[in-house]
Protein backbone atom coordinates (compact mmCIF):
# COMPACT_ATOMS: atom_id res chain seq x y z
CA MET A 1 6.65 -159.97 132.46
CA ALA A 2 4.31 -161.66 134.74
CA LYS A 3 4.94 -161.82 138.39
CA ASP A 4 3.95 -165.20 138.86
CA LYS A 5 7.25 -165.85 135.86
CA THR A 6 10.13 -164.28 138.39
CA ILE A 7 12.41 -166.30 139.92
CA TYR A 8 14.93 -166.58 142.67
CA THR A 9 18.29 -168.14 142.09
CA CYS A 10 21.07 -168.83 144.62
CA ASN A 11 24.41 -167.01 144.90
CA ALA A 12 25.87 -169.99 146.62
CA CYS A 13 24.51 -173.10 144.36
CA GLY A 14 22.73 -171.24 141.22
CA ALA A 15 19.76 -173.07 142.33
CA SER A 16 16.60 -171.74 141.30
CA THR A 17 13.26 -171.97 142.52
CA PRO A 18 9.42 -170.04 141.89
CA ARG A 19 9.27 -168.44 145.24
CA TRP A 20 11.34 -166.52 147.23
CA LEU A 21 12.73 -169.00 150.62
CA GLY A 22 15.00 -167.69 153.56
CA LYS A 23 17.21 -171.32 153.10
CA CYS A 24 18.12 -172.52 149.57
CA PRO A 25 16.47 -176.16 149.18
CA SER A 26 19.31 -177.29 147.73
CA CYS A 27 22.24 -176.61 148.95
CA GLY A 28 21.36 -175.33 152.10
CA ALA A 29 22.90 -171.54 152.77
CA TRP A 30 20.48 -169.47 154.20
CA ASN A 31 19.29 -165.77 152.35
CA SER A 32 21.41 -166.72 149.31
CA LEU A 33 18.36 -166.41 146.93
CA ILE A 34 17.69 -163.69 144.57
CA GLU A 35 15.23 -162.28 142.41
CA SER A 36 16.02 -162.89 138.64
CA VAL A 37 14.89 -162.77 135.14
CA PRO A 38 14.33 -166.17 134.19
CA GLU A 39 16.20 -167.38 130.99
CA ALA A 40 14.16 -168.01 127.86
CA ALA A 41 12.89 -171.70 127.49
CA SER A 42 15.00 -174.25 126.05
CA GLY A 43 12.21 -176.15 123.80
CA GLY A 44 13.46 -179.54 125.27
CA LYS A 45 15.21 -181.15 127.73
CA ASN A 46 18.51 -179.82 129.10
CA ARG A 47 21.71 -180.83 126.85
CA LEU A 48 24.52 -179.62 128.03
CA SER A 49 25.16 -182.60 129.71
CA SER A 50 23.96 -185.32 126.76
CA PRO A 51 26.87 -187.94 125.11
CA GLN A 52 26.64 -185.36 122.28
CA GLY A 53 27.78 -182.77 124.09
CA TYR A 54 27.80 -178.51 123.25
CA ALA A 55 27.10 -179.30 119.27
CA GLY A 56 23.43 -179.94 119.10
CA LEU A 57 23.07 -176.29 121.48
CA ALA A 58 24.70 -174.29 118.82
CA ASN A 59 27.54 -174.29 115.94
CA ALA A 60 30.94 -173.90 116.71
CA GLN A 61 32.30 -169.43 115.96
CA PRO A 62 35.31 -169.19 114.38
CA VAL A 63 38.31 -168.61 116.02
CA THR A 64 41.64 -165.50 114.95
CA PRO A 65 44.78 -165.54 116.81
CA LEU A 66 46.13 -162.73 118.33
CA SER A 67 48.54 -161.95 116.81
CA ALA A 68 46.53 -161.58 113.27
CA ILE A 69 43.68 -158.76 115.15
CA GLU A 70 44.74 -155.05 114.33
CA ALA A 71 44.98 -153.02 116.97
CA GLN A 72 43.19 -149.98 116.97
CA ASP A 73 43.51 -146.58 119.59
CA VAL A 74 40.43 -146.12 120.67
CA ALA A 75 39.04 -142.44 119.89
CA ARG A 76 37.90 -140.42 122.34
CA THR A 77 35.35 -137.22 122.41
CA PRO A 78 36.80 -134.67 125.18
CA SER A 79 34.43 -133.41 127.82
CA GLY A 80 35.27 -130.06 127.84
CA ILE A 81 36.08 -129.82 131.20
CA GLU A 82 40.16 -130.89 131.13
CA GLU A 83 40.27 -132.37 134.88
CA LEU A 84 37.53 -134.75 134.06
CA ASP A 85 39.34 -136.00 130.80
CA ARG A 86 42.83 -136.44 132.22
CA VAL A 87 40.65 -139.32 134.45
CA LEU A 88 38.44 -140.13 131.86
CA GLY A 89 42.19 -141.14 129.65
CA GLY A 90 41.33 -138.08 127.39
CA GLY A 91 37.54 -137.84 126.94
CA VAL A 92 34.64 -140.30 126.88
CA VAL A 93 34.49 -143.27 124.35
CA GLU A 94 32.16 -144.41 122.03
CA GLY A 95 29.36 -147.02 123.90
CA GLY A 96 32.15 -146.48 127.59
CA VAL A 97 30.68 -147.00 129.86
CA VAL A 98 31.65 -144.89 133.17
CA LEU A 99 30.06 -145.56 136.84
CA ILE A 100 31.01 -142.45 138.99
CA GLY A 101 29.71 -142.54 142.87
CA GLY A 102 30.33 -139.79 145.66
CA ASP A 103 28.99 -138.76 149.59
CA PRO A 104 25.25 -136.90 148.81
CA GLY A 105 26.20 -133.74 148.10
CA ILE A 106 29.72 -133.83 146.69
CA GLY A 107 28.46 -132.92 143.54
CA LYS A 108 28.52 -135.41 140.91
CA SER A 109 25.45 -134.13 139.32
CA THR A 110 26.84 -130.90 138.83
CA LEU A 111 29.65 -131.78 137.47
CA LEU A 112 28.19 -134.17 134.54
CA LEU A 113 25.21 -131.42 134.28
CA GLN A 114 28.31 -128.75 133.56
CA ALA A 115 30.26 -131.86 130.95
CA MET A 116 26.63 -132.36 129.24
CA ASP A 117 26.50 -129.24 128.29
CA ALA A 118 30.02 -128.88 127.22
CA LEU A 119 29.52 -132.18 124.79
CA HIS A 120 26.54 -130.94 123.03
CA ARG A 121 28.17 -127.53 122.68
CA ALA A 122 30.82 -129.48 121.20
CA GLY A 123 28.26 -130.67 118.73
CA LEU A 124 27.32 -134.55 120.16
CA PRO A 125 23.46 -134.79 120.55
CA THR A 126 23.47 -135.60 124.78
CA LEU A 127 20.37 -137.10 126.88
CA TYR A 128 20.12 -136.15 130.66
CA VAL A 129 17.62 -139.26 132.57
CA THR A 130 17.10 -137.97 136.22
CA GLY A 131 15.20 -140.49 138.28
CA GLU A 132 16.23 -137.99 141.44
CA GLU A 133 15.10 -134.57 140.41
CA SER A 134 12.15 -133.05 138.78
CA GLY A 135 12.89 -130.71 135.85
CA ALA A 136 12.27 -128.32 137.21
CA GLN A 137 15.23 -129.06 139.96
CA VAL A 138 17.26 -129.74 137.05
CA ALA A 139 16.51 -126.73 135.08
CA LEU A 140 16.90 -124.59 138.30
CA ARG A 141 20.43 -125.88 139.16
CA SER A 142 21.64 -125.36 135.15
CA ARG A 143 20.83 -121.52 135.62
CA ARG A 144 22.36 -121.06 139.25
CA LEU A 145 25.18 -122.85 136.77
CA GLY A 146 24.62 -119.83 134.22
CA ILE A 147 24.22 -122.50 132.11
CA ASP A 148 20.27 -121.84 131.88
CA GLY A 149 20.01 -121.29 127.90
CA SER A 150 21.75 -125.15 127.60
CA GLN A 151 19.99 -127.31 124.68
CA VAL A 152 21.38 -130.83 126.21
CA ASN A 153 17.61 -133.21 126.17
CA LEU A 154 16.34 -133.83 129.76
CA LEU A 155 14.41 -137.06 130.65
CA ALA A 156 12.37 -137.04 133.95
CA GLU A 157 12.16 -140.86 134.26
CA ILE A 158 12.89 -144.57 136.06
CA GLN A 159 11.76 -146.61 134.05
CA LEU A 160 14.51 -148.51 132.06
CA GLU A 161 11.73 -149.61 129.20
CA LYS A 162 10.73 -146.41 128.72
CA ILE A 163 14.18 -144.87 128.74
CA LEU A 164 16.80 -147.44 126.05
CA ALA A 165 12.73 -146.70 123.83
CA THR A 166 14.05 -143.11 124.46
CA VAL A 167 17.17 -143.49 123.86
CA GLU A 168 15.99 -145.90 121.03
CA ALA A 169 13.89 -142.55 119.29
CA THR A 170 16.22 -139.55 120.09
CA GLN A 171 19.76 -141.76 119.20
CA PRO A 172 22.41 -139.40 121.77
CA ALA A 173 25.34 -140.01 121.58
CA VAL A 174 25.62 -139.47 125.35
CA VAL A 175 23.54 -140.69 128.26
CA VAL A 176 23.65 -139.80 131.89
CA ILE A 177 21.89 -142.16 134.56
CA ASP A 178 21.16 -140.28 137.59
CA SER A 179 20.82 -143.09 139.12
CA ILE A 180 21.77 -146.54 138.51
CA GLN A 181 19.41 -146.73 142.27
CA THR A 182 16.19 -145.24 141.37
CA THR A 183 16.42 -147.63 138.11
CA TYR A 184 13.87 -150.78 137.61
CA SER A 185 12.97 -152.61 135.14
CA ASP A 186 9.12 -154.02 134.88
CA GLN A 187 10.85 -157.80 134.64
CA LEU A 188 11.49 -157.79 137.84
CA THR A 189 9.36 -157.26 141.67
CA SER A 190 11.78 -155.73 143.67
CA ALA A 191 11.79 -152.24 144.75
CA PRO A 192 14.13 -149.95 142.79
CA GLY A 193 17.75 -150.03 144.35
CA SER A 194 17.98 -153.67 145.56
CA VAL A 195 20.07 -156.04 144.73
CA ALA A 196 19.14 -158.09 141.66
CA GLN A 197 17.37 -154.25 140.00
CA VAL A 198 20.88 -152.61 139.99
CA ARG A 199 22.24 -156.20 138.39
CA GLU A 200 19.88 -156.69 135.76
CA CYS A 201 19.30 -152.50 134.43
CA ALA A 202 22.92 -152.27 134.43
CA ALA A 203 23.11 -155.36 132.64
CA HIS A 204 20.20 -153.71 129.73
CA LEU A 205 22.46 -150.22 130.02
CA THR A 206 25.69 -151.34 129.32
CA ARG A 207 24.00 -153.77 126.83
CA MET A 208 22.64 -151.17 124.46
CA ALA A 209 26.24 -148.78 125.43
CA LYS A 210 28.04 -151.87 123.08
CA SER A 211 25.89 -152.33 120.45
CA THR A 212 24.74 -148.72 119.83
CA GLY A 213 28.08 -147.30 120.23
CA VAL A 214 25.81 -144.77 122.80
CA THR A 215 28.41 -143.99 125.60
CA VAL A 216 26.89 -143.75 128.83
CA ILE A 217 27.52 -142.40 132.34
CA LEU A 218 26.03 -144.23 135.44
CA VAL A 219 25.25 -142.41 139.19
CA GLY A 220 26.14 -144.72 141.40
CA HIS A 221 25.09 -144.24 146.07
CA VAL A 222 27.73 -144.95 148.03
CA THR A 223 27.38 -147.01 151.13
CA LYS A 224 28.29 -145.30 154.53
CA GLU A 225 32.08 -146.47 154.97
CA GLY A 226 32.45 -144.66 151.01
CA ALA A 227 31.77 -147.89 148.49
CA LEU A 228 29.86 -147.60 145.86
CA ALA A 229 26.63 -149.47 147.02
CA GLY A 230 25.28 -152.67 145.25
CA PRO A 231 26.30 -155.64 144.08
CA ARG A 232 30.07 -155.69 143.39
CA VAL A 233 29.43 -156.85 139.69
CA LEU A 234 28.42 -153.66 138.38
CA GLU A 235 31.64 -152.56 138.80
CA HIS A 236 32.99 -155.02 136.88
CA MET A 237 30.24 -154.80 133.81
CA VAL A 238 31.25 -150.81 133.44
CA ASP A 239 34.74 -150.16 132.03
CA THR A 240 35.75 -146.78 134.22
CA VAL A 241 34.93 -146.34 137.81
CA LEU A 242 35.25 -142.90 139.35
CA TYR A 243 35.00 -141.75 142.52
CA PHE A 244 33.88 -137.98 144.03
CA GLU A 245 35.95 -137.09 146.93
CA GLY A 246 36.05 -134.37 149.04
CA ASP A 247 34.92 -132.98 152.63
CA THR A 248 31.44 -130.95 151.70
CA HIS A 249 33.09 -128.19 154.31
CA SER A 250 36.27 -127.83 151.92
CA PRO A 251 35.64 -126.13 148.22
CA HIS A 252 37.79 -129.21 146.29
CA ARG A 253 36.76 -131.75 145.30
CA LEU A 254 38.71 -134.70 143.99
CA ILE A 255 37.94 -137.29 141.06
CA ARG A 256 39.61 -139.92 141.09
CA ALA A 257 39.75 -143.41 138.76
CA ILE A 258 39.81 -146.73 140.26
CA LYS A 259 39.21 -149.11 136.67
CA ASN A 260 40.15 -147.73 133.83
CA ARG A 261 39.82 -149.97 130.73
CA PHE A 262 40.50 -146.72 128.34
CA GLY A 263 43.21 -145.11 130.77
CA ALA A 264 45.60 -144.86 133.68
CA VAL A 265 43.70 -145.77 137.01
CA ASN A 266 44.96 -143.92 140.17
CA GLU A 267 44.92 -140.79 137.83
CA ILE A 268 42.80 -138.11 140.26
CA GLY A 269 41.04 -134.70 138.56
CA VAL A 270 41.21 -131.62 140.87
CA PHE A 271 38.17 -129.19 141.35
CA ALA A 272 37.31 -125.90 143.40
CA MET A 273 33.25 -125.96 144.05
CA THR A 274 31.96 -122.21 143.04
CA GLU A 275 29.58 -120.48 142.91
CA LYS A 276 29.13 -121.20 138.98
CA GLY A 277 29.80 -124.86 139.51
CA LEU A 278 33.35 -127.13 139.41
CA LYS A 279 36.18 -125.44 137.68
CA GLY A 280 39.59 -127.55 137.32
CA VAL A 281 42.53 -126.49 139.44
CA SER A 282 45.18 -126.68 136.71
CA ASN A 283 48.25 -126.57 139.62
CA PRO A 284 46.31 -129.01 143.03
CA SER A 285 49.50 -128.93 144.39
CA ALA A 286 49.22 -125.31 146.03
CA ILE A 287 46.35 -126.92 147.36
CA PHE A 288 48.49 -129.47 149.40
CA LEU A 289 50.90 -126.79 150.15
CA SER A 290 51.22 -124.81 153.68
CA GLN A 291 51.05 -121.29 153.52
CA HIS A 292 53.95 -120.84 156.19
CA SER A 293 55.68 -117.29 156.12
CA GLU A 294 58.59 -118.54 157.25
CA PRO A 295 59.93 -122.62 157.75
CA VAL A 296 58.12 -124.57 161.13
CA PRO A 297 59.04 -127.69 162.55
CA GLY A 298 57.22 -130.95 161.91
CA SER A 299 56.78 -129.80 158.16
CA CYS A 300 57.86 -131.81 155.43
CA VAL A 301 56.92 -131.42 151.54
CA MET A 302 57.20 -134.31 149.40
CA VAL A 303 56.38 -134.92 145.90
CA THR A 304 53.92 -137.78 145.30
CA LEU A 305 52.77 -140.01 142.01
CA GLU A 306 48.63 -139.54 141.40
CA GLY A 307 48.52 -141.04 138.72
CA THR A 308 51.08 -139.64 135.92
CA ARG A 309 50.60 -136.32 137.49
CA PRO A 310 52.96 -135.49 140.14
CA LEU A 311 52.15 -133.66 143.47
CA LEU A 312 53.67 -131.77 146.06
CA VAL A 313 52.01 -132.80 149.52
CA GLU A 314 52.70 -131.12 153.16
CA ILE A 315 53.91 -134.19 155.71
CA GLN A 316 52.91 -132.28 158.71
CA ALA A 317 54.31 -133.93 161.88
CA LEU A 318 53.53 -133.31 166.15
CA VAL A 319 55.57 -135.25 168.10
CA ASP A 320 54.04 -134.66 172.45
CA SER A 321 54.79 -136.38 175.48
CA ALA A 322 52.08 -138.35 176.34
CA GLY A 323 50.09 -139.95 178.41
CA PRO A 324 50.32 -143.50 180.13
CA ALA A 325 50.25 -144.61 176.78
CA ALA A 326 51.32 -143.12 173.56
CA ARG A 327 49.30 -142.45 170.25
CA ARG A 328 49.73 -143.02 167.20
CA LEU A 329 47.20 -141.06 164.84
CA SER A 330 47.72 -140.81 160.89
CA VAL A 331 45.16 -138.95 158.92
CA GLY A 332 45.25 -139.28 154.92
CA LEU A 333 48.39 -142.74 155.59
CA ASP A 334 48.54 -146.27 156.67
CA LYS A 335 48.60 -145.68 160.64
CA ASP A 336 50.13 -149.35 160.51
CA ARG A 337 53.32 -147.92 158.45
CA LEU A 338 53.20 -144.87 160.81
CA ALA A 339 54.24 -147.72 163.43
CA MET A 340 56.50 -149.06 161.83
CA LEU A 341 58.69 -146.06 160.63
CA LEU A 342 58.53 -145.07 164.27
CA ALA A 343 60.52 -148.37 165.16
CA VAL A 344 63.17 -147.95 161.86
CA LEU A 345 63.77 -144.19 163.59
CA ASN A 346 64.12 -145.88 166.54
CA ARG A 347 66.26 -148.63 165.64
CA HIS A 348 68.20 -147.06 162.94
CA ALA A 349 68.97 -143.58 163.63
CA GLY A 350 68.71 -143.42 167.33
CA VAL A 351 65.23 -141.34 167.02
CA ALA A 352 62.92 -142.62 170.31
CA CYS A 353 59.28 -141.39 170.00
CA ALA A 354 58.00 -144.47 172.86
CA ASP A 355 57.07 -142.00 175.25
CA GLN A 356 55.75 -139.62 172.81
CA ASP A 357 52.77 -138.64 171.23
CA VAL A 358 53.37 -138.47 167.59
CA PHE A 359 50.50 -137.29 165.04
CA VAL A 360 51.20 -137.54 161.17
CA ASN A 361 48.84 -136.02 158.81
CA ALA A 362 48.71 -135.40 154.73
CA VAL A 363 47.58 -131.49 154.01
CA GLY A 364 44.58 -131.10 152.11
CA GLY A 365 42.64 -133.97 152.84
CA VAL A 366 45.40 -136.39 150.51
CA ARG A 367 45.29 -139.69 151.13
CA ILE A 368 48.87 -141.04 150.14
CA ASN A 369 48.78 -144.80 149.51
CA GLU A 370 52.43 -144.87 148.30
CA PRO A 371 55.25 -145.70 150.31
CA ALA A 372 57.45 -142.76 148.44
CA ALA A 373 56.14 -140.67 151.32
CA ASP A 374 58.10 -142.96 154.33
CA LEU A 375 61.30 -140.29 153.99
CA ALA A 376 59.60 -136.66 154.28
CA VAL A 377 57.08 -138.31 157.55
CA MET A 378 60.34 -139.98 159.39
CA LEU A 379 61.70 -135.80 158.34
CA SER A 380 58.47 -134.25 159.66
CA ILE A 381 58.90 -136.53 163.21
CA THR A 382 62.14 -135.71 163.94
CA SER A 383 61.92 -132.41 163.28
CA SER A 384 58.61 -132.06 164.91
CA LEU A 385 60.30 -133.44 168.30
CA ARG A 386 63.95 -131.89 168.04
CA GLY A 387 61.98 -128.02 167.84
CA LYS A 388 63.72 -127.05 164.57
CA PRO A 389 62.44 -126.29 161.39
CA LEU A 390 63.86 -128.14 157.88
CA PRO A 391 65.26 -125.96 155.95
CA LYS A 392 62.90 -123.41 153.09
CA GLY A 393 62.47 -124.53 149.67
CA PHE A 394 63.47 -128.46 151.04
CA PHE A 395 61.22 -131.61 149.72
CA ALA A 396 62.11 -134.73 150.42
CA PHE A 397 60.70 -138.45 149.02
CA GLY A 398 61.62 -142.29 149.10
CA GLU A 399 60.42 -145.13 150.40
CA VAL A 400 62.62 -147.27 153.63
CA GLY A 401 62.95 -150.63 154.77
CA LEU A 402 63.17 -152.53 158.15
CA ALA A 403 67.05 -152.87 157.66
CA GLY A 404 67.14 -148.88 157.53
CA GLU A 405 68.01 -148.55 153.71
CA VAL A 406 66.69 -145.72 151.66
CA ARG A 407 64.73 -147.41 147.94
CA PRO A 408 64.49 -145.31 145.37
CA ALA A 409 60.93 -144.50 144.20
CA PRO A 410 59.30 -144.71 140.46
CA ARG A 411 59.90 -141.50 137.90
CA GLY A 412 62.32 -139.68 140.77
CA GLN A 413 62.82 -137.71 137.20
CA ASP A 414 59.59 -136.53 136.96
CA ARG A 415 59.14 -135.58 141.14
CA LEU A 416 62.29 -133.44 140.86
CA LYS A 417 61.27 -131.27 137.64
CA GLU A 418 57.84 -130.77 138.73
CA ALA A 419 59.00 -129.96 142.95
CA ALA A 420 62.07 -127.67 140.88
CA LYS A 421 59.19 -126.06 138.78
CA LEU A 422 57.04 -124.81 142.03
CA GLY A 423 60.69 -123.08 143.21
CA PHE A 424 62.11 -125.42 145.51
CA THR A 425 65.77 -125.53 146.31
CA VAL A 426 67.01 -128.51 148.64
CA ALA A 427 65.85 -132.18 148.35
CA VAL A 428 67.10 -135.30 149.66
CA VAL A 429 66.41 -138.54 148.10
CA PRO A 430 67.58 -141.87 147.34
CA LYS A 431 70.66 -142.02 145.20
CA ALA A 432 68.99 -144.35 142.87
CA ASN A 433 66.52 -140.99 141.99
CA VAL A 434 69.60 -138.72 141.10
CA PRO A 435 69.24 -138.07 137.92
CA LYS A 436 72.56 -138.09 135.22
CA LYS A 437 71.79 -134.77 133.84
CA ALA A 438 72.03 -131.54 136.38
CA ILE A 439 68.25 -129.60 137.29
CA PRO A 440 69.19 -125.74 137.17
CA GLY A 441 68.78 -124.24 140.30
CA LEU A 442 68.04 -127.89 142.17
CA THR A 443 70.89 -129.16 144.68
CA ILE A 444 70.80 -132.92 145.68
CA HIS A 445 71.14 -134.60 148.41
CA PRO A 446 71.36 -138.39 147.55
CA VAL A 447 71.22 -140.59 150.72
CA GLU A 448 71.28 -144.64 151.44
CA ARG A 449 70.31 -145.28 154.77
CA VAL A 450 68.40 -143.20 157.47
CA ASP A 451 70.70 -142.16 159.46
CA GLU A 452 72.43 -140.64 156.15
CA ALA A 453 69.63 -138.60 155.20
CA MET A 454 69.36 -137.46 159.42
CA ASN A 455 72.66 -136.34 159.23
CA VAL A 456 72.34 -134.83 155.69
CA VAL A 457 69.52 -132.63 157.28
CA ARG A 458 71.71 -131.66 160.61
CA ALA A 459 74.32 -130.66 158.23
CA ILE A 460 72.82 -128.27 156.22
CA ASN A 461 70.33 -126.52 158.56
């Protein structure tokens, strides 16, 4: 499209202008004009507000009752990487659009190159579009990963129109765009990575995926705060949003599903970075558990849920004499909730930490967002304060209320079975989570209040 046909649309009121202005001439909003592609001319005046209504614009379409529509399961093709399939909901979906983001160097391109190679070997035609690296650089990475004989088709291109033409000509089943921020359309004059370019390119790729059945995987940059860069509408347009997390100094990586129209959200996949690329971790609980030969004060194991997967995580607490002002610091846990739990400990269990520094950490870099960690946090704090370790093979979980009650956690039986499978023998859990049938090798102590839990721990310790 010619440059003189570019228009700028106000995000606030929707008004358009042929040139960019700092202030919208219609509503007066500042810095709200964004470059956009003009709609095709209608060939006449706007008839939306005419007395005839919408009949003159388009024909009415037939409607169908929801009960008359036959629901069908979505067919999935395994990617060949079990942990990635877990997060995707079983595999890639025909016509699905996946957005994956993460810090630079975290392993996004490595994982997708491995997945594309596995899909190609399974018989699916694939296309890897790289906009940040040359073909030689991608080939060098494939050699490092041990897949230098891969037959995955590669295209080093950033212009959207050429990419769409190549997809139409080669007809792949799966396409990777690495990355959406480097892709640009000739219909816009703004630079690649701008809000208008990212939005327009993602919209075209999404429409292409839905109309042809091609699975599209978009790689997205992240901001320094860790959120996906670009307009928020980017996450709304796609079917699945994945976040690649992990410390670049640690070999372990997590992929977390934030949105998934074809599977469960908050599901995670766990990987280990090796010389031959990313390998799935079959027993991720081992990452988040300590390697202490004997129990130590301030350590308590809890069972958390990440999607459908129970994970055992060690909660560590350190309580020490405070300086002029007591500090409360938590890593991997909500710091505001930590302050609340300390108040509940003081009021309902008689454990005072007002003059103590309290530090709490979830081992392994995992983030725990569910309140089922409350009881384990309180027991680890008490253990550190008194200098007495919890029994060997001990774990706990349960939500704690402001009144001192211990509330049940969802899917308690799955948590108990996972802990028993890994050799844990003693549990303090909410009374409502006690299974009707005993679990072999596991002694369960049901509690209803915080002070009751403290008494149980003293008795068995």
